[in-house]
Amino acid sequence: MAATDTCASIRFRMQDGNDIGPMPVNIALSVLAVKEKLIQEWSKDPTKEGPKSTADMKLILAGQVLNNTRLLSDLRMPTTPDTVVTMHLVIRPPAAAKSRGENSQGEVEKVSKCSCLIV
C-alpha cells in the first residue's frame, strides 16, 4: 500500500471533553484539508454550531499547534488499524473576534483612549 493511500484513525477532542470520531483520515492530507473536512462534518448536523472557517480552529498533537501547511504524513502518526490518534481541537468562540477590536470584515478598529497630561 502506498503512503498516499494510508489512513490513520483520528479522534478529535474538543475543549468541553466531547469527541468527534474516530474517523479515517488520509495521511497525505494537509492540516488545512483536515480542518475543512471537520467543517463539512459539522455542517451535516444543523443542531451543532461549529466554526465558520478554518481560521477559527487549531489542531494540537503532542503539545504542538499544527501549522496548516504541514502534511499528516510528516507527523509520524501510527497508521495501524487498531490505533486511534487523539488530536485536540480548539475552536475560537464567535465573540472572540469582537473582544479583540475586530469588525465583521476582520479589520482592526481603532479604539479611542483618553489620556491626561498634567504639566
Protein backbone atom coordinates (compact mmCIF):
# COMPACT_ATOMS: atom_id res chain seq x y z
CA MET A 1 0.00 0.00 0.00
CA ALA A 2 1.46 3.40 -0.96
CA ALA A 3 1.93 6.13 1.61
CA THR A 4 -0.65 8.28 -0.15
CA ASP A 5 -3.32 5.59 0.32
CA THR A 6 -2.65 5.11 4.04
CA CYS A 7 -5.26 6.25 6.52
CA ALA A 8 -4.91 7.00 10.20
CA SER A 9 -7.78 6.73 12.63
CA ILE A 10 -8.06 10.12 14.33
CA ARG A 11 -10.26 11.24 17.21
CA PHE A 12 -10.68 14.99 17.70
CA ARG A 13 -11.15 16.00 21.34
CA MET A 14 -12.71 19.39 21.98
CA GLN A 15 -12.27 21.65 24.99
CA ASP A 16 -15.56 20.58 26.55
CA GLY A 17 -14.48 16.92 26.51
CA ASN A 18 -16.67 15.86 23.58
CA ASP A 19 -15.10 13.84 20.79
CA ILE A 20 -15.53 13.81 17.05
CA GLY A 21 -14.68 10.45 15.55
CA PRO A 22 -12.64 8.42 15.41
CA MET A 23 -12.66 8.83 11.66
CA PRO A 24 -10.30 7.54 8.98
CA VAL A 25 -8.18 10.35 7.53
CA ASN A 26 -5.76 10.01 4.63
CA ILE A 27 -2.28 10.93 5.88
CA ALA A 28 -1.45 12.58 2.54
CA LEU A 29 -3.79 15.44 3.51
CA SER A 30 -2.60 18.73 4.92
CA VAL A 31 -3.74 20.03 8.30
CA LEU A 32 -5.83 22.65 6.45
CA ALA A 33 -7.64 19.90 4.49
CA VAL A 34 -8.40 18.07 7.75
CA LYS A 35 -9.90 21.27 9.20
CA GLU A 36 -12.05 21.66 6.07
CA LYS A 37 -13.21 18.05 6.48
CA LEU A 38 -14.21 18.79 10.09
CA ILE A 39 -16.22 21.83 8.99
CA GLN A 40 -18.06 19.61 6.49
CA GLU A 41 -18.87 17.15 9.29
CA TRP A 42 -20.28 19.98 11.41
CA SER A 43 -22.43 21.28 8.58
CA LYS A 44 -24.18 17.89 8.33
CA ASP A 45 -25.76 18.37 11.77
CA PRO A 46 -27.78 21.61 11.92
CA THR A 47 -28.21 21.34 15.71
CA LYS A 48 -24.48 21.86 16.29
CA GLU A 49 -22.94 25.28 15.86
CA GLY A 50 -19.44 24.78 14.54
CA PRO A 51 -16.64 27.06 13.43
CA LYS A 52 -17.27 29.36 10.48
CA SER A 53 -13.82 28.94 8.93
CA THR A 54 -10.57 27.06 9.34
CA ALA A 55 -9.04 30.18 10.90
CA ASP A 56 -11.32 29.61 13.92
CA MET A 57 -9.78 26.17 14.55
CA LYS A 58 -6.48 24.97 15.95
CA LEU A 59 -5.34 21.34 15.93
CA ILE A 60 -2.89 20.23 18.59
CA LEU A 61 -0.90 16.99 18.54
CA ALA A 62 1.64 16.06 21.21
CA GLY A 63 1.52 19.57 22.67
CA GLN A 64 2.26 21.33 19.38
CA VAL A 65 -0.14 23.56 17.44
CA LEU A 66 -0.12 22.20 13.90
CA ASN A 67 0.64 24.54 11.02
CA ASN A 68 -1.96 24.44 8.21
CA THR A 69 0.69 23.62 5.58
CA ARG A 70 2.01 20.50 7.30
CA LEU A 71 1.07 17.11 5.96
CA LEU A 72 -0.22 14.44 8.31
CA SER A 73 2.40 12.08 6.92
CA ASP A 74 5.10 14.40 8.33
CA LEU A 75 3.70 13.94 11.85
CA ARG A 76 4.69 10.25 12.05
CA MET A 77 1.33 9.08 13.33
CA PRO A 78 0.67 5.36 13.69
CA THR A 79 -1.47 4.01 10.87
CA THR A 80 -2.20 0.54 12.21
CA PRO A 81 -5.94 -0.31 12.11
CA ASP A 82 -6.29 -0.77 15.88
CA THR A 83 -4.57 2.52 16.85
CA VAL A 84 -6.54 5.72 17.35
CA VAL A 85 -4.64 9.02 17.43
CA THR A 86 -6.16 11.79 19.54
CA MET A 87 -5.77 15.38 18.35
CA HIS A 88 -7.03 18.26 20.43
CA LEU A 89 -9.33 20.66 18.64
CA VAL A 90 -9.56 24.22 19.93
CA ILE A 91 -12.30 26.42 18.49
CA ARG A 92 -12.24 30.18 18.85
CA PRO A 93 -15.63 31.35 20.12
CA PRO A 94 -17.55 33.72 17.81
CA ALA A 95 -17.31 36.59 20.30
CA ALA A 96 -13.50 36.40 20.43
CA ALA A 97 -13.10 38.49 17.27
CA LYS A 98 -15.17 41.32 18.72
CA SER A 99 -13.29 41.32 22.01
CA ARG A 100 -10.04 41.91 20.12
CA GLY A 101 -11.47 45.02 18.45
CA GLU A 102 -12.18 43.49 15.02
CA ASN A 103 -15.22 44.39 12.97
CA SER A 104 -17.23 41.97 10.83
CA GLN A 105 -14.75 42.22 7.94
CA GLY A 106 -11.85 41.19 10.20
CA GLU A 107 -10.33 44.67 10.17
CA VAL A 108 -8.99 46.08 13.40
CA GLU A 109 -10.96 49.08 14.61
CA LYS A 110 -9.23 52.00 16.23
CA VAL A 111 -10.23 52.39 19.83
CA SER A 112 -10.15 55.91 21.18
CA LYS A 113 -8.49 56.25 24.52
CA CYS A 114 -8.43 59.25 26.75
CA SER A 115 -5.20 60.35 28.25
CA CYS A 116 -4.36 63.19 30.56
CA LEU A 117 -1.13 65.10 30.74
CA ILE A 118 -0.56 67.23 33.80
CA VAL A 119 2.23 69.76 33.44
